[in-house]
Amino acid sequence: MRTTRLVLLASLLVATMFAAGQALAPIPNVELVTTLAFVSGYLLGPALGAAVGAAGMGAHSLFNVLGAVAPPVWIAQVVCYGFVGWVGGVAGPRLARVPSRVRAALLSALTGAALVLVYQIVVNGVAFYTFTGDVDVWTYVWAGVAFGALQVAWNAVTFGVAMPAMLRVLARHRGELRPEAAREKRAQRRDNAEKTRE
């Protein structure tokens, strides 16, 4: 039963990533795919989160309403979003345990911005070697990052504003899906109770 629930949830998250990506595709660098990949990792753990992140971005990029990208760039996007899902599984539980809401928002914003910055550097580097060779690689990469600055800022705001609340709300469901998450939640409650008494 638990395996069926995990597979069903993973499939729904991939579909949600695809739908969100397609819905926002006409608006350059405004997306929710990064947030959904991170949340997938938080809910399902690093390995399954990486699979969901990779599959969601793979479907979004391959069947994009604006057209598919070149295969090397597609592979870079899939790997990067697999990484985002993995980071959600590793860093998400830590962010959920940050007691201060302001600190949680700042750390979440930094996480979102850093993930997209890594994505921009990797994808623009691969695009350089795929499409051109007549300019300096770093000039090309940083020009792409400058164009993607809106995506970095968008994700910093989205993660900072929404991620702490989403992680708190989803913590119960995470515990239902993953027994080790329930143990982490009990430890978090115990730590918070001890801090309150101090």
C-alpha atoms as a PDB file:
ATOM      1  CA  MET A   1       0.000   0.000   0.000  1.00  0.00           C
ATOM      2  CA  ARG A   2       2.778   2.427   0.955  1.00  0.00           C
ATOM      3  CA  THR A   3       4.645   1.773  -2.323  1.00  0.00           C
ATOM      4  CA  THR A   4       1.469   2.378  -4.307  1.00  0.00           C
ATOM      5  CA  ARG A   5       0.929   5.703  -2.516  1.00  0.00           C
ATOM      6  CA  LEU A   6       4.522   6.776  -3.192  1.00  0.00           C
ATOM      7  CA  VAL A   7       4.331   5.893  -6.890  1.00  0.00           C
ATOM      8  CA  LEU A   8       0.960   7.610  -7.251  1.00  0.00           C
ATOM      9  CA  LEU A   9       2.166  10.762  -5.475  1.00  0.00           C
ATOM     10  CA  ALA A  10       5.390  10.807  -7.526  1.00  0.00           C
ATOM     11  CA  SER A  11       3.352  10.510 -10.729  1.00  0.00           C
ATOM     12  CA  LEU A  12       1.010  13.308  -9.662  1.00  0.00           C
ATOM     13  CA  LEU A  13       3.945  15.557  -8.786  1.00  0.00           C
ATOM     14  CA  VAL A  14       5.555  14.936 -12.202  1.00  0.00           C
ATOM     15  CA  ALA A  15       2.232  15.795 -13.877  1.00  0.00           C
ATOM     16  CA  THR A  16       1.876  18.917 -11.725  1.00  0.00           C
ATOM     17  CA  MET A  17       5.401  20.031 -12.631  1.00  0.00           C
ATOM     18  CA  PHE A  18       4.626  19.518 -16.313  1.00  0.00           C
ATOM     19  CA  ALA A  19       1.316  21.413 -16.092  1.00  0.00           C
ATOM     20  CA  ALA A  20       2.814  24.294 -14.099  1.00  0.00           C
ATOM     21  CA  GLY A  21       5.705  24.537 -16.539  1.00  0.00           C
ATOM     22  CA  GLN A  22       3.385  24.644 -19.535  1.00  0.00           C
ATOM     23  CA  ALA A  23       1.018  27.151 -17.929  1.00  0.00           C
ATOM     24  CA  LEU A  24       3.813  29.639 -17.195  1.00  0.00           C
ATOM     25  CA  ALA A  25       5.960  28.931 -20.296  1.00  0.00           C
ATOM     26  CA  PRO A  26       4.917  32.143 -22.116  1.00  0.00           C
ATOM     27  CA  ILE A  27       6.297  34.269 -19.236  1.00  0.00           C
ATOM     28  CA  PRO A  28      10.118  34.219 -19.465  1.00  0.00           C
ATOM     29  CA  ASN A  29      11.884  32.941 -16.332  1.00  0.00           C
ATOM     30  CA  VAL A  30       8.743  32.854 -14.171  1.00  0.00           C
ATOM     31  CA  GLU A  31       8.135  29.262 -13.119  1.00  0.00           C
ATOM     32  CA  LEU A  32       7.036  26.971 -10.301  1.00  0.00           C
ATOM     33  CA  VAL A  33       8.909  23.885 -11.512  1.00  0.00           C
ATOM     34  CA  THR A  34      11.804  24.538  -9.113  1.00  0.00           C
ATOM     35  CA  THR A  35       9.476  24.861  -6.125  1.00  0.00           C
ATOM     36  CA  LEU A  36       7.608  21.681  -7.049  1.00  0.00           C
ATOM     37  CA  ALA A  37      10.825  19.705  -7.584  1.00  0.00           C
ATOM     38  CA  PHE A  38      12.109  20.827  -4.167  1.00  0.00           C
ATOM     39  CA  VAL A  39       8.814  19.963  -2.454  1.00  0.00           C
ATOM     40  CA  SER A  40       8.857  16.557  -4.189  1.00  0.00           C
ATOM     41  CA  GLY A  41      12.204  15.822  -2.594  1.00  0.00           C
ATOM     42  CA  TYR A  42      10.945  16.970   0.786  1.00  0.00           C
ATOM     43  CA  LEU A  43       7.886  14.721   0.599  1.00  0.00           C
ATOM     44  CA  LEU A  44       9.420  11.655  -1.033  1.00  0.00           C
ATOM     45  CA  GLY A  45      13.051  11.741   0.049  1.00  0.00           C
ATOM     46  CA  PRO A  46      16.226  12.509  -1.892  1.00  0.00           C
ATOM     47  CA  ALA A  47      16.223   9.557  -4.315  1.00  0.00           C
ATOM     48  CA  LEU A  48      12.574   9.655  -5.349  1.00  0.00           C
ATOM     49  CA  GLY A  49      12.629  13.464  -5.243  1.00  0.00           C
ATOM     50  CA  ALA A  50      15.521  13.436  -7.720  1.00  0.00           C
ATOM     51  CA  ALA A  51      13.584  11.081  -9.986  1.00  0.00           C
ATOM     52  CA  VAL A  52      10.484  13.307  -9.838  1.00  0.00           C
ATOM     53  CA  GLY A  53      12.503  16.477 -10.441  1.00  0.00           C
ATOM     54  CA  ALA A  54      14.271  14.925 -13.433  1.00  0.00           C
ATOM     55  CA  ALA A  55      11.098  13.450 -14.928  1.00  0.00           C
ATOM     56  CA  GLY A  56       9.070  16.634 -14.397  1.00  0.00           C
ATOM     57  CA  MET A  57      11.673  18.861 -16.035  1.00  0.00           C
ATOM     58  CA  GLY A  58      12.290  16.276 -18.750  1.00  0.00           C
ATOM     59  CA  ALA A  59       8.623  16.240 -19.713  1.00  0.00           C
ATOM     60  CA  HIS A  60       8.284  20.024 -19.455  1.00  0.00           C
ATOM     61  CA  SER A  61      11.344  20.694 -21.579  1.00  0.00           C
ATOM     62  CA  LEU A  62      10.715  17.971 -24.150  1.00  0.00           C
ATOM     63  CA  PHE A  63       7.071  18.901 -24.752  1.00  0.00           C
ATOM     64  CA  ASN A  64       7.372  22.652 -24.142  1.00  0.00           C
ATOM     65  CA  VAL A  65       4.749  24.712 -25.946  1.00  0.00           C
ATOM     66  CA  LEU A  66       7.557  26.988 -27.152  1.00  0.00           C
ATOM     67  CA  GLY A  67       9.503  24.070 -28.640  1.00  0.00           C
ATOM     68  CA  ALA A  68      11.935  21.425 -27.441  1.00  0.00           C
ATOM     69  CA  VAL A  69      15.569  22.210 -26.673  1.00  0.00           C
ATOM     70  CA  ALA A  70      18.656  20.513 -28.116  1.00  0.00           C
ATOM     71  CA  PRO A  71      19.420  17.083 -26.564  1.00  0.00           C
ATOM     72  CA  PRO A  72      22.566  18.166 -24.638  1.00  0.00           C
ATOM     73  CA  VAL A  73      20.701  21.105 -23.096  1.00  0.00           C
ATOM     74  CA  TRP A  74      17.740  18.828 -22.295  1.00  0.00           C
ATOM     75  CA  ILE A  75      20.066  16.403 -20.491  1.00  0.00           C
ATOM     76  CA  ALA A  76      21.596  19.285 -18.503  1.00  0.00           C
ATOM     77  CA  GLN A  77      18.123  20.493 -17.494  1.00  0.00           C
ATOM     78  CA  VAL A  78      17.056  16.993 -16.422  1.00  0.00           C
ATOM     79  CA  VAL A  79      20.214  16.496 -14.342  1.00  0.00           C
ATOM     80  CA  CYS A  80      19.881  19.928 -12.712  1.00  0.00           C
ATOM     81  CA  TYR A  81      16.267  19.363 -11.708  1.00  0.00           C
ATOM     82  CA  GLY A  82      17.114  15.900 -10.439  1.00  0.00           C
ATOM     83  CA  PHE A  83      19.603  17.748  -8.238  1.00  0.00           C
ATOM     84  CA  VAL A  84      16.871  20.188  -7.106  1.00  0.00           C
ATOM     85  CA  GLY A  85      14.670  17.245  -6.066  1.00  0.00           C
ATOM     86  CA  TRP A  86      17.589  15.629  -4.229  1.00  0.00           C
ATOM     87  CA  VAL A  87      18.368  18.887  -2.404  1.00  0.00           C
ATOM     88  CA  GLY A  88      14.699  19.100  -1.388  1.00  0.00           C
ATOM     89  CA  GLY A  89      15.035  15.699   0.256  1.00  0.00           C
ATOM     90  CA  VAL A  90      18.231  16.654   2.070  1.00  0.00           C
ATOM     91  CA  ALA A  91      17.767  20.359   2.892  1.00  0.00           C
ATOM     92  CA  GLY A  92      13.954  20.461   3.127  1.00  0.00           C
ATOM     93  CA  PRO A  93      13.758  18.688   6.509  1.00  0.00           C
ATOM     94  CA  ARG A  94      16.449  20.998   7.874  1.00  0.00           C
ATOM     95  CA  LEU A  95      14.578  24.090   6.670  1.00  0.00           C
ATOM     96  CA  ALA A  96      11.372  22.746   8.201  1.00  0.00           C
ATOM     97  CA  ARG A  97      13.119  22.545  11.598  1.00  0.00           C
ATOM     98  CA  VAL A  98      14.281  26.175  11.659  1.00  0.00           C
ATOM     99  CA  PRO A  99      12.290  27.660  14.561  1.00  0.00           C
ATOM    100  CA  SER A 100      12.477  31.333  13.548  1.00  0.00           C
ATOM    101  CA  ARG A 101      10.118  32.202  10.708  1.00  0.00           C
ATOM    102  CA  VAL A 102      12.310  35.060   9.524  1.00  0.00           C
ATOM    103  CA  ARG A 103      15.418  32.883   9.493  1.00  0.00           C
ATOM    104  CA  ALA A 104      13.504  30.082   7.742  1.00  0.00           C
ATOM    105  CA  ALA A 105      12.314  32.529   5.077  1.00  0.00           C
ATOM    106  CA  LEU A 106      15.829  33.891   4.505  1.00  0.00           C
ATOM    107  CA  LEU A 107      17.407  30.431   4.325  1.00  0.00           C
ATOM    108  CA  SER A 108      14.651  29.271   1.963  1.00  0.00           C
ATOM    109  CA  ALA A 109      15.162  32.314  -0.267  1.00  0.00           C
ATOM    110  CA  LEU A 110      18.907  31.680  -0.412  1.00  0.00           C
ATOM    111  CA  THR A 111      18.277  28.006  -1.217  1.00  0.00           C
ATOM    112  CA  GLY A 112      15.911  28.834  -4.082  1.00  0.00           C
ATOM    113  CA  ALA A 113      18.267  31.443  -5.529  1.00  0.00           C
ATOM    114  CA  ALA A 114      21.315  29.144  -5.241  1.00  0.00           C
ATOM    115  CA  LEU A 115      19.542  26.220  -6.921  1.00  0.00           C
ATOM    116  CA  VAL A 116      18.488  28.339  -9.889  1.00  0.00           C
ATOM    117  CA  LEU A 117      21.920  29.963 -10.134  1.00  0.00           C
ATOM    118  CA  VAL A 118      23.531  26.506 -10.361  1.00  0.00           C
ATOM    119  CA  TYR A 119      20.938  25.556 -12.991  1.00  0.00           C
ATOM    120  CA  GLN A 120      21.635  28.716 -15.013  1.00  0.00           C
ATOM    121  CA  ILE A 121      25.417  28.221 -14.949  1.00  0.00           C
ATOM    122  CA  VAL A 122      25.240  24.536 -15.938  1.00  0.00           C
ATOM    123  CA  VAL A 123      22.625  24.937 -18.680  1.00  0.00           C
ATOM    124  CA  ASN A 124      24.281  28.030 -20.164  1.00  0.00           C
ATOM    125  CA  GLY A 125      27.647  26.264 -20.120  1.00  0.00           C
ATOM    126  CA  VAL A 126      26.196  23.280 -21.979  1.00  0.00           C
ATOM    127  CA  ALA A 127      24.363  25.598 -24.403  1.00  0.00           C
ATOM    128  CA  PHE A 128      27.648  27.365 -25.168  1.00  0.00           C
ATOM    129  CA  TYR A 129      29.359  24.136 -26.186  1.00  0.00           C
ATOM    130  CA  THR A 130      26.256  23.037 -28.106  1.00  0.00           C
ATOM    131  CA  PHE A 131      25.555  26.181 -30.109  1.00  0.00           C
ATOM    132  CA  THR A 132      28.582  28.454 -30.318  1.00  0.00           C
ATOM    133  CA  GLY A 133      32.282  28.717 -29.991  1.00  0.00           C
ATOM    134  CA  ASP A 134      32.984  32.220 -31.282  1.00  0.00           C
ATOM    135  CA  VAL A 135      32.800  34.024 -27.906  1.00  0.00           C
ATOM    136  CA  ASP A 136      34.442  33.407 -24.562  1.00  0.00           C
ATOM    137  CA  VAL A 137      32.613  30.702 -22.590  1.00  0.00           C
ATOM    138  CA  TRP A 138      32.261  32.815 -19.437  1.00  0.00           C
ATOM    139  CA  THR A 139      30.968  35.802 -21.412  1.00  0.00           C
ATOM    140  CA  TYR A 140      28.287  33.530 -22.853  1.00  0.00           C
ATOM    141  CA  VAL A 141      27.471  31.877 -19.514  1.00  0.00           C
ATOM    142  CA  TRP A 142      27.254  35.134 -17.541  1.00  0.00           C
ATOM    143  CA  ALA A 143      25.135  36.738 -20.280  1.00  0.00           C
ATOM    144  CA  GLY A 144      22.749  33.780 -19.921  1.00  0.00           C
ATOM    145  CA  VAL A 145      22.779  34.123 -16.143  1.00  0.00           C
ATOM    146  CA  ALA A 146      22.031  37.854 -16.500  1.00  0.00           C
ATOM    147  CA  PHE A 147      19.027  36.982 -18.688  1.00  0.00           C
ATOM    148  CA  GLY A 148      18.027  34.386 -16.076  1.00  0.00           C
ATOM    149  CA  ALA A 149      18.378  36.858 -13.190  1.00  0.00           C
ATOM    150  CA  LEU A 150      14.594  37.168 -13.114  1.00  0.00           C
ATOM    151  CA  GLN A 151      14.333  33.402 -12.564  1.00  0.00           C
ATOM    152  CA  VAL A 152      16.859  33.617  -9.708  1.00  0.00           C
ATOM    153  CA  ALA A 153      14.970  36.520  -8.110  1.00  0.00           C
ATOM    154  CA  TRP A 154      11.574  34.886  -8.711  1.00  0.00           C
ATOM    155  CA  ASN A 155      12.655  31.689  -6.979  1.00  0.00           C
ATOM    156  CA  ALA A 156      14.268  33.592  -4.107  1.00  0.00           C
ATOM    157  CA  VAL A 157      10.926  35.321  -3.473  1.00  0.00           C
ATOM    158  CA  THR A 158       8.830  32.185  -4.064  1.00  0.00           C
ATOM    159  CA  PHE A 159      10.993  30.064  -1.763  1.00  0.00           C
ATOM    160  CA  GLY A 160      11.273  32.813   0.868  1.00  0.00           C
ATOM    161  CA  VAL A 161       7.565  33.563   1.008  1.00  0.00           C
ATOM    162  CA  ALA A 162       5.987  30.155   0.417  1.00  0.00           C
ATOM    163  CA  MET A 163       8.472  27.412   1.269  1.00  0.00           C
ATOM    164  CA  PRO A 164       8.531  27.630   5.104  1.00  0.00           C
ATOM    165  CA  ALA A 165       4.727  27.510   5.275  1.00  0.00           C
ATOM    166  CA  MET A 166       4.519  24.708   2.686  1.00  0.00           C
ATOM    167  CA  LEU A 167       7.056  22.602   4.568  1.00  0.00           C
ATOM    168  CA  ARG A 168       5.155  23.047   7.838  1.00  0.00           C
ATOM    169  CA  VAL A 169       1.853  22.069   6.223  1.00  0.00           C
ATOM    170  CA  LEU A 170       3.347  19.098   4.382  1.00  0.00           C
ATOM    171  CA  ALA A 171       5.283  17.790   7.413  1.00  0.00           C
ATOM    172  CA  ARG A 172       2.369  15.612   8.540  1.00  0.00           C
ATOM    173  CA  HIS A 173       1.952  14.042   5.108  1.00  0.00           C
ATOM    174  CA  ARG A 174       5.685  13.501   4.879  1.00  0.00           C
ATOM    175  CA  GLY A 175       5.485  11.546   8.119  1.00  0.00           C
ATOM    176  CA  GLU A 176       2.701   9.391   6.716  1.00  0.00           C
ATOM    177  CA  LEU A 177       4.713   8.620   3.590  1.00  0.00           C
ATOM    178  CA  ARG A 178       8.081   8.056   5.210  1.00  0.00           C
ATOM    179  CA  PRO A 179       8.426   6.465   8.657  1.00  0.00           C
ATOM    180  CA  GLU A 180      11.834   8.052   9.233  1.00  0.00           C
ATOM    181  CA  ALA A 181      10.201  11.448   8.643  1.00  0.00           C
ATOM    182  CA  ALA A 182       7.805  10.750  11.515  1.00  0.00           C
ATOM    183  CA  ARG A 183      10.796  10.130  13.785  1.00  0.00           C
ATOM    184  CA  GLU A 184      12.353  13.429  12.630  1.00  0.00           C
ATOM    185  CA  LYS A 185       9.072  15.226  13.386  1.00  0.00           C
ATOM    186  CA  ARG A 186       8.975  13.808  16.926  1.00  0.00           C
ATOM    187  CA  ALA A 187      12.592  14.903  17.449  1.00  0.00           C
ATOM    188  CA  GLN A 188      11.710  18.371  16.146  1.00  0.00           C
ATOM    189  CA  ARG A 189       8.786  18.654  18.601  1.00  0.00           C
ATOM    190  CA  ARG A 190      11.050  17.535  21.436  1.00  0.00           C
ATOM    191  CA  ASP A 191      13.708  20.132  20.464  1.00  0.00           C
ATOM    192  CA  ASN A 192      11.093  22.890  20.241  1.00  0.00           C
ATOM    193  CA  ALA A 193       9.653  21.925  23.634  1.00  0.00           C
ATOM    194  CA  GLU A 194      13.129  22.062  25.206  1.00  0.00           C
ATOM    195  CA  LYS A 195      13.808  25.499  23.662  1.00  0.00           C
ATOM    196  CA  THR A 196      10.474  26.761  24.941  1.00  0.00           C
ATOM    197  CA  ARG A 197      11.312  25.648  28.491  1.00  0.00           C
ATOM    198  CA  GLU A 198      14.688  27.442  28.408  1.00  0.00           C
END
